[in-house]
C-alpha atoms as a PDB file:
ATOM      1  CA  MET A   1     114.527  75.250  27.444  1.00  0.00           C
ATOM      2  CA  PHE A   2     114.920  74.819  23.476  1.00  0.00           C
ATOM      3  CA  SER A   3     114.953  78.694  23.395  1.00  0.00           C
ATOM      4  CA  ARG A   4     117.249  79.589  25.912  1.00  0.00           C
ATOM      5  CA  ILE A   5     119.832  76.716  24.513  1.00  0.00           C
ATOM      6  CA  THR A   6     119.535  78.397  21.169  1.00  0.00           C
ATOM      7  CA  SER A   7     119.764  81.819  22.562  1.00  0.00           C
ATOM      8  CA  ASP A   8     122.902  81.048  24.622  1.00  0.00           C
ATOM      9  CA  PHE A   9     124.843  78.767  22.415  1.00  0.00           C
ATOM     10  CA  GLY A  10     123.609  79.414  18.694  1.00  0.00           C
ATOM     11  CA  LEU A  11     122.111  75.709  18.175  1.00  0.00           C
ATOM     12  CA  PRO A  12     120.066  75.382  15.162  1.00  0.00           C
ATOM     13  CA  ARG A  13     116.123  75.987  15.311  1.00  0.00           C
ATOM     14  CA  LEU A  14     114.032  73.115  15.285  1.00  0.00           C
ATOM     15  CA  PRO A  15     110.758  73.338  13.387  1.00  0.00           C
ATOM     16  CA  GLY A  16     109.942  69.908  14.025  1.00  0.00           C
ATOM     17  CA  LEU A  17     109.285  70.680  17.843  1.00  0.00           C
ATOM     18  CA  GLY A  18     107.272  73.484  17.384  1.00  0.00           C
ATOM     19  CA  TYR A  19     109.898  76.149  16.907  1.00  0.00           C
ATOM     20  CA  LEU A  20     107.606  79.412  16.910  1.00  0.00           C
ATOM     21  CA  ARG A  21     104.219  77.614  16.613  1.00  0.00           C
ATOM     22  CA  GLU A  22     102.547  79.742  18.328  1.00  0.00           C
ATOM     23  CA  LEU A  23     103.220  82.736  16.936  1.00  0.00           C
ATOM     24  CA  GLN A  24     102.306  81.409  13.313  1.00  0.00           C
ATOM     25  CA  GLN A  25      99.094  80.512  14.652  1.00  0.00           C
ATOM     26  CA  ILE A  26      98.613  84.376  16.223  1.00  0.00           C
ATOM     27  CA  LEU A  27      99.812  85.620  12.173  1.00  0.00           C
ATOM     28  CA  THR A  28      97.575  83.530  11.125  1.00  0.00           C
ATOM     29  CA  MET A  29      94.627  84.811  13.291  1.00  0.00           C
ATOM     30  CA  LEU A  30      95.969  88.693  12.442  1.00  0.00           C
ATOM     31  CA  ASN A  31      96.258  87.694   8.838  1.00  0.00           C
ATOM     32  CA  ALA A  32      92.317  86.254   8.582  1.00  0.00           C
ATOM     33  CA  ARG A  33      91.144  89.828  10.073  1.00  0.00           C
ATOM     34  CA  SER A  34      93.499  91.806   7.763  1.00  0.00           C
ATOM     35  CA  VAL A  35      95.019  93.464  11.095  1.00  0.00           C
ATOM     36  CA  ARG A  36      98.908  94.238  10.845  1.00  0.00           C
ATOM     37  CA  ALA A  37     101.386  94.392  13.694  1.00  0.00           C
ATOM     38  CA  TRP A  38     104.635  94.805  14.952  1.00  0.00           C
ATOM     39  CA  ILE A  39     106.658  91.256  15.787  1.00  0.00           C
ATOM     40  CA  PHE A  40     109.725  91.826  17.770  1.00  0.00           C
ATOM     41  CA  PHE A  41     112.063  88.974  17.777  1.00  0.00           C
ATOM     42  CA  ARG A  42     115.349  88.201  20.008  1.00  0.00           C
ATOM     43  CA  ARG A  43     118.226  86.196  18.925  1.00  0.00           C
ATOM     44  CA  CYS A  44     116.801  83.074  19.741  1.00  0.00           C
ATOM     45  CA  THR A  45     113.788  83.495  17.850  1.00  0.00           C
ATOM     46  CA  LEU A  46     114.708  84.613  14.525  1.00  0.00           C
ATOM     47  CA  PRO A  47     111.781  84.047  11.718  1.00  0.00           C
ATOM     48  CA  ASP A  48     112.045  80.749   9.880  1.00  0.00           C
ATOM     49  CA  ARG A  49     110.664  80.583   6.328  1.00  0.00           C
ATOM     50  CA  LYS A  50     107.147  79.801   7.281  1.00  0.00           C
ATOM     51  CA  THR A  51     107.038  82.614   9.958  1.00  0.00           C
ATOM     52  CA  LEU A  52     108.778  85.232   7.040  1.00  0.00           C
ATOM     53  CA  ALA A  53     105.795  84.010   4.644  1.00  0.00           C
ATOM     54  CA  LEU A  54     103.384  84.837   6.872  1.00  0.00           C
ATOM     55  CA  LEU A  55     104.783  87.881   7.950  1.00  0.00           C
ATOM     56  CA  GLU A  56     104.926  88.902   4.178  1.00  0.00           C
ATOM     57  CA  ALA A  57     101.045  87.710   3.549  1.00  0.00           C
ATOM     58  CA  GLY A  58      99.818  90.141   6.598  1.00  0.00           C
ATOM     59  CA  GLY A  59     101.950  92.924   5.776  1.00  0.00           C
ATOM     60  CA  HIS A  60     103.604  93.017   9.342  1.00  0.00           C
ATOM     61  CA  HIS A  61     106.491  95.060  10.340  1.00  0.00           C
ATOM     62  CA  ILE A  62     109.759  93.462  11.948  1.00  0.00           C
ATOM     63  CA  GLY A  63     111.028  94.837  15.337  1.00  0.00           C
ATOM     64  CA  LEU A  64     114.029  93.984  17.380  1.00  0.00           C
ATOM     65  CA  HIS A  65     113.602  92.554  21.044  1.00  0.00           C
ATOM     66  CA  LEU A  66     116.877  93.851  22.411  1.00  0.00           C
ATOM     67  CA  GLU A  67     118.729  91.832  24.683  1.00  0.00           C
ATOM     68  CA  ASP A  68     122.297  93.014  24.816  1.00  0.00           C
ATOM     69  CA  SER A  69     121.809  96.615  25.766  1.00  0.00           C
ATOM     70  CA  ARG A  70     125.521  96.979  27.525  1.00  0.00           C
ATOM     71  CA  SER A  71     126.029  99.440  25.115  1.00  0.00           C
ATOM     72  CA  PHE A  72     125.040 101.436  21.627  1.00  0.00           C
ATOM     73  CA  ASP A  73     127.793  98.697  19.989  1.00  0.00           C
ATOM     74  CA  SER A  74     125.758  95.815  21.566  1.00  0.00           C
ATOM     75  CA  PHE A  75     122.447  97.443  20.444  1.00  0.00           C
ATOM     76  CA  LEU A  76     123.891  98.124  16.804  1.00  0.00           C
ATOM     77  CA  ALA A  77     124.990  94.599  16.625  1.00  0.00           C
ATOM     78  CA  GLU A  78     121.464  93.191  17.545  1.00  0.00           C
ATOM     79  CA  LYS A  79     120.093  95.560  15.164  1.00  0.00           C
ATOM     80  CA  GLU A  80     122.322  94.527  12.251  1.00  0.00           C
ATOM     81  CA  ARG A  81     121.931  90.701  13.169  1.00  0.00           C
ATOM     82  CA  LEU A  82     118.356  90.449  12.726  1.00  0.00           C
ATOM     83  CA  GLU A  83     118.180  92.983   9.203  1.00  0.00           C
ATOM     84  CA  LYS A  84     120.718  90.383   7.828  1.00  0.00           C
ATOM     85  CA  HIS A  85     118.403  87.626   8.967  1.00  0.00           C
ATOM     86  CA  VAL A  86     115.394  88.915   7.196  1.00  0.00           C
ATOM     87  CA  GLN A  87     116.751  91.269   4.670  1.00  0.00           C
ATOM     88  CA  ARG A  88     115.211  94.270   5.197  1.00  0.00           C
ATOM     89  CA  PRO A  89     115.467  97.260   7.374  1.00  0.00           C
ATOM     90  CA  VAL A  90     114.771  96.967  11.326  1.00  0.00           C
ATOM     91  CA  THR A  91     113.163 100.308  12.531  1.00  0.00           C
ATOM     92  CA  ALA A  92     111.381  99.925  15.890  1.00  0.00           C
ATOM     93  CA  PHE A  93     112.830  98.287  19.067  1.00  0.00           C
ATOM     94  CA  SER A  94     111.806  96.906  22.483  1.00  0.00           C
ATOM     95  CA  LYS A  95     113.872  95.628  25.474  1.00  0.00           C
ATOM     96  CA  HIS A  96     113.623  92.134  26.674  1.00  0.00           C
ATOM     97  CA  GLY A  97     112.839  92.152  30.410  1.00  0.00           C
ATOM     98  CA  SER A  98     112.040  94.753  32.722  1.00  0.00           C
ATOM     99  CA  GLY A  99     115.227  95.462  34.951  1.00  0.00           C
ATOM    100  CA  GLY A 100     115.433  92.196  37.545  1.00  0.00           C
ATOM    101  CA  ALA A 101     116.228  89.009  36.682  1.00  0.00           C
ATOM    102  CA  ARG A 102     118.999  88.100  33.768  1.00  0.00           C
ATOM    103  CA  TYR A 103     117.463  85.723  30.926  1.00  0.00           C
ATOM    104  CA  GLY A 104     120.315  84.481  29.664  1.00  0.00           C
ATOM    105  CA  LEU A 105     124.069  84.695  28.600  1.00  0.00           C
ATOM    106  CA  ARG A 106     123.744  87.472  26.807  1.00  0.00           C
ATOM    107  CA  HIS A 107     120.643  89.328  28.421  1.00  0.00           C
ATOM    108  CA  HIS A 108     121.692  92.646  30.358  1.00  0.00           C
ATOM    109  CA  ALA A 109     118.930  92.604  32.976  1.00  0.00           C
ATOM    110  CA  PRO A 110     119.110  96.543  33.629  1.00  0.00           C
ATOM    111  CA  TYR A 111     116.617  98.463  32.070  1.00  0.00           C
ATOM    112  CA  GLU A 112     117.435 102.024  31.262  1.00  0.00           C
ATOM    113  CA  PRO A 113     114.539 103.871  28.915  1.00  0.00           C
ATOM    114  CA  GLU A 114     116.384 107.034  28.556  1.00  0.00           C
ATOM    115  CA  LYS A 115     119.594 105.055  27.101  1.00  0.00           C
ATOM    116  CA  TYR A 116     117.726 103.314  24.467  1.00  0.00           C
ATOM    117  CA  ARG A 117     115.912 106.481  23.296  1.00  0.00           C
ATOM    118  CA  GLU A 118     119.022 108.111  22.610  1.00  0.00           C
ATOM    119  CA  TRP A 119     120.333 105.091  21.034  1.00  0.00           C
ATOM    120  CA  GLY A 120     117.361 104.745  18.819  1.00  0.00           C
ATOM    121  CA  GLY A 121     117.413 108.316  17.655  1.00  0.00           C
ATOM    122  CA  ARG A 122     121.423 107.856  16.821  1.00  0.00           C
ATOM    123  CA  SER A 123     120.800 104.850  14.645  1.00  0.00           C
ATOM    124  CA  GLY A 124     117.636 106.069  12.883  1.00  0.00           C
ATOM    125  CA  MET A 125     114.970 104.064  14.598  1.00  0.00           C
ATOM    126  CA  GLU A 126     111.392 105.230  14.147  1.00  0.00           C
ATOM    127  CA  LEU A 127     109.743 103.476  17.651  1.00  0.00           C
ATOM    128  CA  PHE A 128     110.759 102.573  20.645  1.00  0.00           C
ATOM    129  CA  LEU A 129     108.170 100.686  22.879  1.00  0.00           C
ATOM    130  CA  GLY A 130     108.784 100.582  26.525  1.00  0.00           C
ATOM    131  CA  ASN A 131     108.063  98.291  29.414  1.00  0.00           C
ATOM    132  CA  GLY A 132     105.704 100.014  31.559  1.00  0.00           C
ATOM    133  CA  GLU A 133     102.445  98.849  32.541  1.00  0.00           C
ATOM    134  CA  ASP A 134     100.226 101.860  32.935  1.00  0.00           C
ATOM    135  CA  PRO A 135      98.454 101.512  29.212  1.00  0.00           C
ATOM    136  CA  SER A 136      97.256 104.776  29.933  1.00  0.00           C
ATOM    137  CA  LEU A 137     100.339 106.936  29.378  1.00  0.00           C
ATOM    138  CA  PRO A 138     100.317 108.556  26.093  1.00  0.00           C
ATOM    139  CA  GLY A 139     103.093 108.289  23.367  1.00  0.00           C
ATOM    140  CA  THR A 140     105.593 110.994  22.735  1.00  0.00           C
ATOM    141  CA  ARG A 141     107.918 111.748  19.649  1.00  0.00           C
ATOM    142  CA  ASP A 142     111.378 112.628  20.653  1.00  0.00           C
ATOM    143  CA  SER A 143     112.890 115.471  19.022  1.00  0.00           C
ATOM    144  CA  SER A 144     114.931 112.928  16.604  1.00  0.00           C
ATOM    145  CA  GLY A 145     111.777 111.765  15.252  1.00  0.00           C
ATOM    146  CA  LEU A 146     111.532 108.673  17.387  1.00  0.00           C
ATOM    147  CA  ARG A 147     107.988 107.940  18.723  1.00  0.00           C
ATOM    148  CA  VAL A 148     107.999 106.488  22.297  1.00  0.00           C
ATOM    149  CA  PHE A 149     105.394 104.353  23.693  1.00  0.00           C
ATOM    150  CA  PRO A 150     106.387 104.220  27.526  1.00  0.00           C
ATOM    151  CA  SER A 151     103.728 101.471  28.395  1.00  0.00           C
ATOM    152  CA  ALA A 152     101.754  99.046  27.003  1.00  0.00           C
ATOM    153  CA  PHE A 153      98.312  96.856  27.495  1.00  0.00           C
ATOM    154  CA  TRP A 154      99.734  93.552  28.548  1.00  0.00           C
ATOM    155  CA  LEU A 155      97.083  91.099  27.537  1.00  0.00           C
ATOM    156  CA  GLU A 156      98.373  88.751  30.005  1.00  0.00           C
ATOM    157  CA  PRO A 157      97.048  90.248  33.661  1.00  0.00           C
ATOM    158  CA  HIS A 158      99.666  89.050  35.900  1.00  0.00           C
ATOM    159  CA  TRP A 159     101.374  92.504  33.976  1.00  0.00           C
ATOM    160  CA  ARG A 160      98.374  94.639  33.991  1.00  0.00           C
ATOM    161  CA  ASP A 161      95.937  96.101  36.594  1.00  0.00           C
ATOM    162  CA  ALA A 162      92.998  94.117  35.022  1.00  0.00           C
ATOM    163  CA  ALA A 163      90.523  95.662  37.481  1.00  0.00           C
ATOM    164  CA  ARG A 164      91.594  99.174  36.395  1.00  0.00           C
ATOM    165  CA  PHE A 165      92.395  98.384  32.655  1.00  0.00           C
ATOM    166  CA  PRO A 166      90.050  95.631  31.580  1.00  0.00           C
ATOM    167  CA  VAL A 167      89.845  94.334  27.892  1.00  0.00           C
ATOM    168  CA  ASP A 168      86.684  96.570  27.296  1.00  0.00           C
ATOM    169  CA  TRP A 169      89.062 100.091  28.495  1.00  0.00           C
ATOM    170  CA  LEU A 170      91.495  99.399  25.740  1.00  0.00           C
ATOM    171  CA  ILE A 171      88.746  99.237  23.120  1.00  0.00           C
ATOM    172  CA  ARG A 172      87.284 102.401  24.204  1.00  0.00           C
ATOM    173  CA  ALA A 173      90.708 103.977  24.501  1.00  0.00           C
ATOM    174  CA  THR A 174      91.601 103.387  21.060  1.00  0.00           C
ATOM    175  CA  GLU A 175      88.658 105.609  20.064  1.00  0.00           C
ATOM    176  CA  ASN A 176      90.787 108.535  20.663  1.00  0.00           C
ATOM    177  CA  GLN A 177      94.266 107.658  20.690  1.00  0.00           C
ATOM    178  CA  ASP A 178      97.122 104.873  19.414  1.00  0.00           C
ATOM    179  CA  HIS A 179      97.544 102.200  22.576  1.00  0.00           C
ATOM    180  CA  VAL A 180      99.972  99.334  22.226  1.00  0.00           C
ATOM    181  CA  LEU A 181      98.497  95.804  22.883  1.00  0.00           C
ATOM    182  CA  LEU A 182     101.682  93.825  24.212  1.00  0.00           C
ATOM    183  CA  LEU A 183     101.263  89.907  24.182  1.00  0.00           C
ATOM    184  CA  HIS A 184     103.277  86.758  24.180  1.00  0.00           C
ATOM    185  CA  PRO A 185     101.846  84.173  21.841  1.00  0.00           C
ATOM    186  CA  GLU A 186     102.249  81.192  24.122  1.00  0.00           C
ATOM    187  CA  ASN A 187     101.100  82.409  26.831  1.00  0.00           C
ATOM    188  CA  VAL A 188      97.764  83.719  25.263  1.00  0.00           C
ATOM    189  CA  LEU A 189      97.265  80.679  23.111  1.00  0.00           C
ATOM    190  CA  VAL A 190      97.574  78.202  26.256  1.00  0.00           C
ATOM    191  CA  ASP A 191      94.773  79.998  28.130  1.00  0.00           C
ATOM    192  CA  ARG A 192      91.231  79.947  26.270  1.00  0.00           C
ATOM    193  CA  ALA A 193      89.780  83.244  28.163  1.00  0.00           C
ATOM    194  CA  LEU A 194      93.219  85.384  26.862  1.00  0.00           C
ATOM    195  CA  THR A 195      92.301  83.729  23.059  1.00  0.00           C
ATOM    196  CA  ASP A 196      88.984  84.906  22.996  1.00  0.00           C
ATOM    197  CA  GLN A 197      89.810  88.636  24.846  1.00  0.00           C
ATOM    198  CA  LEU A 198      92.436  88.586  22.070  1.00  0.00           C
ATOM    199  CA  GLU A 199      89.938  87.946  19.128  1.00  0.00           C
ATOM    200  CA  MET A 200      87.434  90.467  20.757  1.00  0.00           C
ATOM    201  CA  ILE A 201      90.070  92.984  20.607  1.00  0.00           C
ATOM    202  CA  LEU A 202      90.860  92.000  16.835  1.00  0.00           C
ATOM    203  CA  ASP A 203      87.422  92.255  15.811  1.00  0.00           C
ATOM    204  CA  SER A 204      87.277  95.750  17.059  1.00  0.00           C
ATOM    205  CA  VAL A 205      90.301  96.631  15.108  1.00  0.00           C
ATOM    206  CA  GLY A 206      88.395  97.309  11.891  1.00  0.00           C
ATOM    207  CA  THR A 207      85.866  99.609  14.071  1.00  0.00           C
ATOM    208  CA  TYR A 208      88.231 101.730  16.043  1.00  0.00           C
ATOM    209  CA  ALA A 209      91.680 101.924  13.488  1.00  0.00           C
ATOM    210  CA  HIS A 210      92.035 104.413  11.275  1.00  0.00           C
ATOM    211  CA  GLY A 211      95.350 103.608   9.805  1.00  0.00           C
END
C-alpha cells in the first residue's frame, strides 16, 4: 500500500515501516556468499542509505525497472531520475509489468520489447532484461552492443513452468551459458521453500559461475 502511494504521489519513504527490508535481507544473503547481482529499482523503491551501503559492500549493479514507457523521453526521464538519486550511471533496465494490468498512475501497461531495445541502444545502455517466462531462450546482442535476455528463470513458480524448469534445471543450465534468475524479495522471503531454493542456487554459483 505504501509503495503504491509513494509511487503515485511522491510521499516520503518510511524505513521504520519496513521500507526495502526484504531487499536488504536478500543483499545480506548475497554479500555473505560474495555473489553479485543486478538490482532493479522503480521510482517508488529508490534505495535508501542502508540499501546503498549493502549494494556498495557487495559490488552489486543498479538497474532501472521502467514504469513510464510511453515514450523515449519518459524512459530517459526515469533513467536520469535514478542516476541522480544513486549518483552513478545506470546501464541496465527491465520493464515493470508484462502488458496487462496497470500498476499506478505512471505505469504504462503495454509491453513492447522491440521499442525498449531501440531505446536501450540509443541511450547507451548495456543490458535489457525482458519479461518472458521461457528461461531456455538464449541472450543475444544487438548491433548497438545492447545485450538482451528476452526471458528469465522466475524463482516464484506461478510465473514459471516449474515441472519443465525446476531449480535443478537452472543449476545445470548455467554450466554452459548465462541465465537470468529473477526474483521479488518480498515474495521469496515469505515462502520458506522459495528461500531454501534461492539459497541452494546461490550456493551453486561458486561452482558454476566463471565471471
